[in-house]
Structures are given as C-alpha cells and as structure tokens.
Amino acid sequence: MTEKATFAAGCFWSVELAFQRLNGVTSTRVGYTGGTRPNPTYREVCAGDTGHAEAVELEYDPAVIGYNELLAAFWAKHDPTTPNQQGNDVGTQYRSAIFYHSDAQRDAALASREQEQAKYKEAIVTEIVPATQFWPAEDYHQRYLEKGGQCAAKGCCDAIRCYG
C-alpha cells in the first residue's frame, strides 16, 4: 500500500526528477497547490496571483522508503532559507513548503525542520501546512526533464540540469 507526500522546493521539474530517482517512490506528478484559484494554469501561477506553489505530489511505498528519507531528500534539494526564491526563480510559486497529509507527516516535518535548522545561520522559511487540493500541471510539464533526456533511473546520481 502506498502513501502520498507533497513538497515544494522551487521549480517543480528538478524537484520531480530528484524524487523520481528514489527507490520506493512509485509515481510523481507536478502541479500547483496551496493557493486559492481552482484549476490554475502554469501562466496564471507564474503571474503570482493564485497563491499556489509549484509542487510535486508523489506516491511512495513506506516498506521501501520512509517519510523521513523523503524529508531528507527534500532538504538536500534546495535552500530552505530563501523566501520565495530558488536560484534565479523568484516568486511565491517557488516557495519552500511541505504539505502534510497526516498528523504523523506533520510531526515528522516539524522535527526534521528543527534538526535541519542547526545546519544554517539563517532561519529556515519552509512552510509546513496541511495538504489541500492538488491541481496537476499541464501534460508537457510532467516528467519534463526525463523527457528532455535526463536520467530518471532509480539510484541515478547524475547532476540535475534545470532549464526552461
């Protein structure tokens, strides 16, 4: 039986590829969550007025990979101290967020944020909030970097190159 997890850590293309490569992650999809506009488009989200974050919703097998391992991958993937920015991507849609699906996920996320904070001088700005409606992004965004030739094989450690 699989469980669901949802993370936002900047551009969803590279975040999705990072999670695709993890043993135990059985599926991924990119989309929008945490905002107010129903069924937003990429263009609307990029305009910054929907409140949504670019996010990855994934299914995972907890017998193979635990939620704490997913959290470790999340923290390693981005800089959680930059509000509404990852690299050159700037805007609320690129915020750092963990959208939890259960009390156990919430508690694990809060504990991991506290542990992660010890690694930084700046305050971690990652939101830890309940998961709400997830709106899948347009088809061309799904598995975008894999379609562009980057390795999505389980265990792959090739550098992820994000482009747009």
Protein backbone atom coordinates (compact mmCIF):
# COMPACT_ATOMS: atom_id res chain seq x y z
CA MET A 1 0.00 0.00 0.00
CA THR A 2 1.38 3.39 -0.96
CA GLU A 3 1.20 6.74 0.79
CA LYS A 4 1.18 10.28 -0.57
CA ALA A 5 3.62 13.14 0.06
CA THR A 6 3.73 16.67 -1.37
CA PHE A 7 6.69 19.03 -1.48
CA ALA A 8 7.51 22.44 -2.97
CA ALA A 9 11.15 23.44 -3.38
CA GLY A 10 11.42 25.78 -6.35
CA CYS A 11 10.98 24.77 -9.98
CA PHE A 12 8.97 21.56 -9.96
CA TRP A 13 10.87 19.99 -12.86
CA SER A 14 14.07 19.36 -10.90
CA VAL A 15 12.25 18.50 -7.68
CA GLU A 16 10.24 15.85 -9.53
CA LEU A 17 13.36 14.30 -11.07
CA ALA A 18 15.09 14.13 -7.68
CA PHE A 19 12.16 12.20 -6.22
CA GLN A 20 11.71 10.01 -9.32
CA ARG A 21 15.22 8.65 -8.70
CA LEU A 22 14.46 7.41 -5.18
CA ASN A 23 13.82 3.73 -4.59
CA GLY A 24 10.35 3.35 -3.15
CA VAL A 25 8.84 6.35 -4.95
CA THR A 26 6.27 4.72 -7.19
CA SER A 27 4.87 7.77 -9.02
CA THR A 28 5.26 11.53 -9.26
CA ARG A 29 3.31 14.36 -10.78
CA VAL A 30 3.94 18.07 -10.82
CA GLY A 31 1.30 20.66 -10.20
CA TYR A 32 0.04 23.51 -8.11
CA THR A 33 -1.18 23.62 -4.52
CA GLY A 34 -1.53 25.91 -1.54
CA GLY A 35 -3.39 28.68 -3.33
CA THR A 36 -6.90 29.89 -3.93
CA ARG A 37 -7.61 29.68 -7.66
CA PRO A 38 -9.26 26.43 -8.81
CA ASN A 39 -7.52 24.53 -11.61
CA PRO A 40 -4.88 27.17 -12.33
CA THR A 41 -2.71 27.21 -15.44
CA TYR A 42 1.06 27.49 -15.46
CA ARG A 43 0.77 31.03 -16.84
CA GLU A 44 -1.60 32.03 -14.01
CA VAL A 45 0.66 30.54 -11.33
CA CYS A 46 3.72 32.26 -12.82
CA ALA A 47 1.87 35.59 -12.73
CA GLY A 48 1.95 35.18 -8.94
CA ASP A 49 -1.66 35.96 -8.10
CA THR A 50 -3.05 32.46 -7.45
CA GLY A 51 -1.21 31.80 -4.19
CA HIS A 52 -0.19 28.37 -5.46
CA ALA A 53 3.28 26.86 -5.21
CA GLU A 54 4.85 24.71 -7.89
CA ALA A 55 4.87 21.34 -6.15
CA VAL A 56 5.44 17.63 -6.59
CA GLU A 57 2.90 15.11 -5.34
CA LEU A 58 4.30 11.63 -5.05
CA GLU A 59 3.23 8.16 -4.09
CA TYR A 60 5.71 6.06 -2.16
CA ASP A 61 5.92 2.61 -0.64
CA PRO A 62 6.68 3.04 3.09
CA ALA A 63 8.01 -0.52 3.21
CA VAL A 64 10.82 0.63 0.89
CA ILE A 65 11.34 4.31 1.76
CA GLY A 66 10.20 6.15 4.86
CA TYR A 67 8.79 9.63 5.08
CA ASN A 68 11.91 10.77 6.95
CA GLU A 69 14.02 9.72 3.95
CA LEU A 70 11.76 11.77 1.69
CA LEU A 71 12.21 14.73 4.02
CA ALA A 72 16.00 14.30 3.85
CA ALA A 73 15.83 14.38 0.04
CA PHE A 74 13.62 17.48 0.20
CA TRP A 75 16.04 19.37 2.44
CA ALA A 76 19.04 18.33 0.32
CA LYS A 77 17.37 19.52 -2.90
CA HIS A 78 17.09 23.23 -2.14
CA ASP A 79 17.97 26.19 0.07
CA PRO A 80 15.18 26.41 2.65
CA THR A 81 16.34 29.83 3.89
CA THR A 82 15.46 31.86 0.80
CA PRO A 83 11.88 33.11 0.95
CA ASN A 84 10.03 32.75 -2.34
CA GLN A 85 13.18 32.00 -4.31
CA GLN A 86 15.35 29.15 -5.52
CA GLY A 87 18.29 30.22 -7.65
CA ASN A 88 17.08 32.52 -10.42
CA ASP A 89 13.44 31.55 -9.88
CA VAL A 90 11.73 34.25 -7.84
CA GLY A 91 8.11 34.46 -6.69
CA THR A 92 5.73 32.93 -4.19
CA GLN A 93 5.21 29.97 -6.55
CA TYR A 94 8.84 28.94 -5.82
CA ARG A 95 8.48 28.93 -2.03
CA SER A 96 9.70 26.10 0.15
CA ALA A 97 6.83 24.09 1.62
CA ILE A 98 5.90 20.71 2.99
CA PHE A 99 2.23 19.89 2.52
CA TYR A 100 1.47 17.14 5.02
CA HIS A 101 -1.22 14.50 4.57
CA SER A 102 -1.40 13.22 8.17
CA ASP A 103 -0.55 14.17 11.73
CA ALA A 104 2.42 11.80 11.57
CA GLN A 105 3.77 13.61 8.49
CA ARG A 106 3.25 16.97 10.20
CA ASP A 107 5.12 15.85 13.30
CA ALA A 108 7.98 14.37 11.25
CA ALA A 109 8.22 17.52 9.12
CA LEU A 110 8.35 19.80 12.17
CA ALA A 111 11.03 17.65 13.82
CA SER A 112 13.10 17.50 10.63
CA ARG A 113 12.89 21.28 10.17
CA GLU A 114 14.18 21.75 13.69
CA GLN A 115 17.09 19.35 13.03
CA GLU A 116 17.83 20.96 9.66
CA GLN A 117 17.94 24.44 11.21
CA ALA A 118 21.17 23.51 13.02
CA LYS A 119 22.91 23.48 9.61
CA TYR A 120 22.06 27.12 8.82
CA LYS A 121 22.80 30.53 10.29
CA GLU A 122 19.75 31.99 8.54
CA ALA A 123 16.26 30.98 9.60
CA ILE A 124 14.55 28.25 7.60
CA VAL A 125 11.43 29.71 5.96
CA THR A 126 9.85 26.43 4.84
CA GLU A 127 6.11 26.34 5.39
CA ILE A 128 4.69 23.19 6.95
CA VAL A 129 0.98 23.24 6.19
CA PRO A 130 -1.87 20.79 5.59
CA ALA A 131 -2.16 19.43 2.06
CA THR A 132 -5.02 20.96 0.13
CA GLN A 133 -6.34 20.41 -3.38
CA PHE A 134 -3.51 19.49 -5.77
CA TRP A 135 -4.02 20.64 -9.34
CA PRO A 136 -1.89 18.69 -11.83
CA ALA A 137 0.16 20.84 -14.18
CA GLU A 138 -0.28 20.65 -17.93
CA ASP A 139 0.88 17.41 -19.56
CA TYR A 140 4.01 18.92 -21.08
CA HIS A 141 5.33 19.67 -17.56
CA GLN A 142 5.00 16.06 -16.37
CA ARG A 143 8.38 14.26 -16.27
CA TYR A 144 9.75 17.25 -18.19
CA LEU A 145 13.45 16.73 -17.50
CA GLU A 146 13.19 12.99 -18.11
CA LYS A 147 11.54 13.70 -21.48
CA GLY A 148 14.43 16.07 -22.16
CA GLY A 149 16.92 13.23 -21.81
CA GLN A 150 17.92 13.36 -18.15
CA CYS A 151 18.21 10.09 -16.27
CA ALA A 152 15.27 9.21 -14.02
CA ALA A 153 16.51 5.71 -13.16
CA LYS A 154 16.28 4.65 -9.53
CA GLY A 155 19.54 5.44 -7.77
CA CYS A 156 20.85 7.73 -10.51
CA CYS A 157 23.20 10.40 -9.15
CA ASP A 158 23.78 12.44 -12.31
CA ALA A 159 23.61 16.20 -11.75
CA ILE A 160 20.16 17.62 -12.44
CA ARG A 161 20.15 20.39 -15.02
CA CYS A 162 17.07 22.59 -14.88
CA TYR A 163 16.18 24.74 -17.86
CA GLY A 164 13.12 26.49 -19.07
